[in-house]
Amino acid sequence: MIIPAPVLDLLLASLLCLVPLHPHSPKALALQAAGGEVKVFYQTVDYNAERLAPLKPGFSWHMAFASMESAVPLHCGEHLLPAGHYKLNMQRGETEADWQLEIMPYEYWVLARQLPRIRQQGGERLAQAEERLATMQKAMQEKGQEERVVLGPDDFVAEHAKHLQLSILLQGYDSKRLGKTEALAGVAFSLRMSFGDFHKSLSFREAFSGK
């Protein structure tokens, strides 16, 4: 059977659309803390210096929709993150090499992104969104959860990363006896982020009650 050239061209074009030239592979990282599991999710997007160059200080990048689910409360710097689902963003600082980690409750981040468009539309949907926001903020306040935490990560030395790479440097936790996993203290770990020549690391420590 001979396929006409126009049909063949259309078929090939359709196939090319289905095959991504630069696949964004979903990634998952997981570690076992003393009181539960901590998981981080993201995608491997390509590094493009030209797209980063015009960004202004304060710009918040969703970091390939990176997020963290923690079954345990975590200390990070002077902040305490209650157990929950968090959005991880990178915020541009004063220079191209200056990036900070921005942490927000995931559902709050989703609603905050939707609000500008909803406010333009107005009407009943806006009233519902504002009511939902108020309910969410009250629940966060009762939980001791901040709306937004911005932290300055440390630099580390690594090779140029062609794609976004997140990794966890696990320091473990103190156990009560050698050869046993019964915890005496909370887990400590560093979340590492590499993108091009940006290599940032942020330390977390489990808030462990011993129960």
Protein backbone atom coordinates (compact mmCIF):
# COMPACT_ATOMS: atom_id res chain seq x y z
CA MET A 1 0.00 0.00 0.00
CA ILE A 2 1.39 3.39 -1.05
CA ILE A 3 0.55 6.31 1.23
CA PRO A 4 0.08 9.62 -0.66
CA ALA A 5 2.79 12.19 0.10
CA PRO A 6 0.43 14.79 1.68
CA VAL A 7 -0.99 12.13 4.01
CA LEU A 8 2.51 10.88 4.87
CA ASP A 9 3.67 14.42 5.67
CA LEU A 10 0.68 14.93 7.96
CA LEU A 11 1.31 11.57 9.68
CA LEU A 12 5.00 12.36 10.29
CA ALA A 13 4.14 15.81 11.64
CA SER A 14 1.66 14.22 14.05
CA LEU A 15 4.26 11.73 15.25
CA LEU A 16 6.85 14.47 15.81
CA CYS A 17 4.37 16.36 17.95
CA LEU A 18 3.95 13.28 20.12
CA VAL A 19 7.71 12.83 20.68
CA PRO A 20 9.18 15.56 22.92
CA LEU A 21 12.63 16.71 21.81
CA HIS A 22 13.59 17.59 25.39
CA PRO A 23 11.55 15.38 27.72
CA HIS A 24 10.60 16.79 31.11
CA SER A 25 10.95 13.65 33.19
CA PRO A 26 8.99 13.61 36.47
CA LYS A 27 11.26 12.87 39.43
CA ALA A 28 10.53 11.79 43.00
CA LEU A 29 12.86 11.85 46.01
CA ALA A 30 11.95 10.20 49.30
CA LEU A 31 13.58 9.80 52.69
CA GLN A 32 12.51 8.16 55.93
CA ALA A 33 12.50 10.54 58.89
CA ALA A 34 12.15 9.40 62.50
CA GLY A 35 8.41 10.11 62.52
CA GLY A 36 7.39 9.64 58.89
CA GLU A 37 8.35 10.16 55.27
CA VAL A 38 9.52 13.29 53.42
CA LYS A 39 9.01 13.38 49.63
CA VAL A 40 10.11 15.91 47.00
CA PHE A 41 8.75 16.07 43.44
CA TYR A 42 9.91 18.01 40.35
CA GLN A 43 10.60 17.76 36.60
CA THR A 44 13.91 17.84 34.68
CA VAL A 45 13.57 21.03 32.63
CA ASP A 46 16.39 22.32 30.41
CA TYR A 47 18.73 25.12 31.50
CA ASN A 48 18.55 28.18 29.22
CA ALA A 49 20.74 31.15 30.22
CA GLU A 50 19.07 33.47 27.68
CA ARG A 51 15.66 32.98 29.29
CA LEU A 52 17.05 33.65 32.78
CA ALA A 53 19.02 36.79 31.86
CA PRO A 54 16.08 39.27 31.65
CA LEU A 55 14.50 38.17 34.94
CA LYS A 56 14.21 40.92 37.55
CA PRO A 57 14.93 40.77 41.31
CA GLY A 58 11.98 39.28 43.16
CA PHE A 59 10.88 37.06 40.27
CA SER A 60 9.48 33.77 41.61
CA TRP A 61 10.11 30.67 39.47
CA HIS A 62 7.98 27.59 40.09
CA MET A 63 11.12 25.40 39.68
CA ALA A 64 9.42 22.91 37.36
CA PHE A 65 6.48 22.72 39.79
CA ALA A 66 8.68 21.36 42.58
CA SER A 67 6.91 20.49 45.81
CA MET A 68 7.58 18.77 49.13
CA GLU A 69 5.27 16.55 51.16
CA SER A 70 6.39 16.06 54.74
CA ALA A 71 4.70 13.82 57.29
CA VAL A 72 6.84 15.47 59.99
CA PRO A 73 7.41 19.10 61.07
CA LEU A 74 10.72 20.50 59.84
CA HIS A 75 13.07 23.20 61.12
CA CYS A 76 14.62 25.28 58.35
CA GLY A 77 16.76 28.19 59.51
CA GLU A 78 14.71 30.08 62.13
CA HIS A 79 11.42 28.78 60.73
CA LEU A 80 9.32 25.77 61.66
CA LEU A 81 7.32 24.14 58.87
CA PRO A 82 4.42 22.07 60.23
CA ALA A 83 3.81 18.72 58.55
CA GLY A 84 2.09 19.30 55.22
CA HIS A 85 2.35 19.82 51.47
CA TYR A 86 4.55 22.73 50.34
CA LYS A 87 5.37 24.45 47.05
CA LEU A 88 9.09 25.01 46.46
CA ASN A 89 10.00 28.03 44.31
CA MET A 90 13.24 29.82 43.52
CA GLN A 91 13.21 33.60 43.90
CA ARG A 92 15.73 35.74 42.02
CA GLY A 93 17.85 38.03 44.18
CA GLU A 94 19.72 41.22 43.28
CA THR A 95 22.09 39.46 40.86
CA GLU A 96 21.75 36.64 38.32
CA ALA A 97 23.67 34.32 40.65
CA ASP A 98 21.59 35.17 43.71
CA TRP A 99 18.64 32.82 44.16
CA GLN A 100 16.64 32.08 47.32
CA LEU A 101 14.27 29.25 48.16
CA GLU A 102 10.64 30.28 48.60
CA ILE A 103 8.36 27.89 50.50
CA MET A 104 4.55 28.23 50.56
CA PRO A 105 1.70 25.90 51.56
CA TYR A 106 0.77 24.21 48.29
CA GLU A 107 -2.97 24.93 48.21
CA TYR A 108 -2.33 28.54 49.23
CA TRP A 109 0.17 28.92 46.37
CA VAL A 110 -2.35 27.52 43.85
CA LEU A 111 -5.06 29.94 44.98
CA ALA A 112 -2.66 32.89 45.04
CA ARG A 113 -1.76 32.17 41.39
CA GLN A 114 -5.43 32.05 40.40
CA LEU A 115 -6.59 35.17 42.25
CA PRO A 116 -5.36 37.88 39.80
CA ARG A 117 -7.34 36.27 36.96
CA ILE A 118 -10.38 35.70 39.18
CA ARG A 119 -10.33 39.33 40.33
CA GLN A 120 -10.47 40.45 36.70
CA GLN A 121 -13.56 38.33 36.16
CA GLY A 122 -15.24 39.44 39.39
CA GLY A 123 -18.69 38.17 40.29
CA GLU A 124 -19.67 35.16 42.38
CA ARG A 125 -16.47 33.26 41.64
CA LEU A 126 -14.40 36.06 43.18
CA ALA A 127 -16.53 36.04 46.35
CA GLN A 128 -16.07 32.26 46.63
CA ALA A 129 -12.31 32.53 46.09
CA GLU A 130 -11.93 35.25 48.73
CA GLU A 131 -14.00 33.22 51.20
CA ARG A 132 -11.82 30.18 50.51
CA LEU A 133 -8.68 32.29 50.98
CA ALA A 134 -9.89 33.61 54.34
CA THR A 135 -10.73 30.08 55.52
CA MET A 136 -7.35 28.83 54.37
CA GLN A 137 -5.47 31.68 56.10
CA LYS A 138 -7.33 31.05 59.36
CA ALA A 139 -6.48 27.32 59.25
CA MET A 140 -2.84 28.12 58.52
CA GLN A 141 -2.69 30.56 61.42
CA GLU A 142 -4.15 27.99 63.82
CA LYS A 143 -1.59 25.47 62.60
CA GLY A 144 1.30 27.91 62.98
CA GLN A 145 1.94 27.78 59.24
CA GLU A 146 3.43 30.84 57.55
CA GLU A 147 2.03 32.01 54.21
CA ARG A 148 5.50 32.42 52.72
CA VAL A 149 9.01 31.65 53.88
CA VAL A 150 12.05 32.90 51.93
CA LEU A 151 15.42 31.39 52.83
CA GLY A 152 18.95 32.00 51.61
CA PRO A 153 20.54 28.68 50.62
CA ASP A 154 24.27 27.94 50.68
CA ASP A 155 26.37 27.46 47.55
CA PHE A 156 28.14 24.20 46.78
CA VAL A 157 30.55 23.17 44.03
CA ALA A 158 29.32 20.91 41.22
CA GLU A 159 29.50 20.48 37.45
CA HIS A 160 27.31 22.47 35.06
CA ALA A 161 23.78 21.06 35.14
CA LYS A 162 22.10 20.96 31.71
CA HIS A 163 18.80 20.14 33.40
CA LEU A 164 17.27 21.02 36.75
CA GLN A 165 18.56 18.53 39.30
CA LEU A 166 17.28 18.15 42.84
CA SER A 167 18.93 15.77 45.27
CA ILE A 168 18.91 15.00 48.99
CA LEU A 169 22.04 14.72 51.11
CA LEU A 170 20.86 12.56 53.99
CA GLN A 171 22.57 12.82 57.37
CA GLY A 172 20.20 10.37 59.08
CA TYR A 173 19.13 10.48 62.71
CA ASP A 174 20.48 9.24 66.04
CA SER A 175 19.12 5.81 66.96
CA LYS A 176 18.78 4.36 70.45
CA ARG A 177 20.90 1.30 69.70
CA LEU A 178 23.37 0.22 67.05
CA GLY A 179 21.67 -1.84 64.36
CA LYS A 180 18.18 -0.55 65.28
CA THR A 181 16.06 2.18 63.69
CA GLU A 182 14.28 3.34 66.83
CA ALA A 183 14.91 7.08 66.83
CA LEU A 184 16.51 9.15 69.55
CA ALA A 185 16.40 12.40 67.55
CA GLY A 186 14.96 13.76 64.31
CA VAL A 187 16.46 13.32 60.85
CA ALA A 188 18.72 15.96 59.29
CA PHE A 189 19.11 16.42 55.53
CA SER A 190 20.03 18.98 52.89
CA LEU A 191 17.98 19.66 49.78
CA ARG A 192 20.32 20.42 46.88
CA MET A 193 19.28 22.27 43.71
CA SER A 194 21.46 22.47 40.57
CA PHE A 195 20.53 24.43 37.44
CA GLY A 196 23.24 25.49 35.04
CA ASP A 197 26.01 26.89 37.22
CA PHE A 198 23.65 27.63 40.12
CA HIS A 199 24.19 25.10 42.90
CA LYS A 200 22.21 25.80 46.07
CA SER A 201 21.76 23.76 49.25
CA LEU A 202 19.34 24.23 52.14
CA SER A 203 19.43 22.32 55.44
CA PHE A 204 16.36 20.84 57.15
CA ARG A 205 16.02 19.16 60.54
CA GLU A 206 13.04 17.18 61.78
CA ALA A 207 11.23 18.58 64.82
CA PHE A 208 11.14 15.31 66.75
CA SER A 209 9.08 14.91 69.93
CA GLY A 210 10.48 11.48 70.79
CA LYS A 211 7.05 9.89 70.86
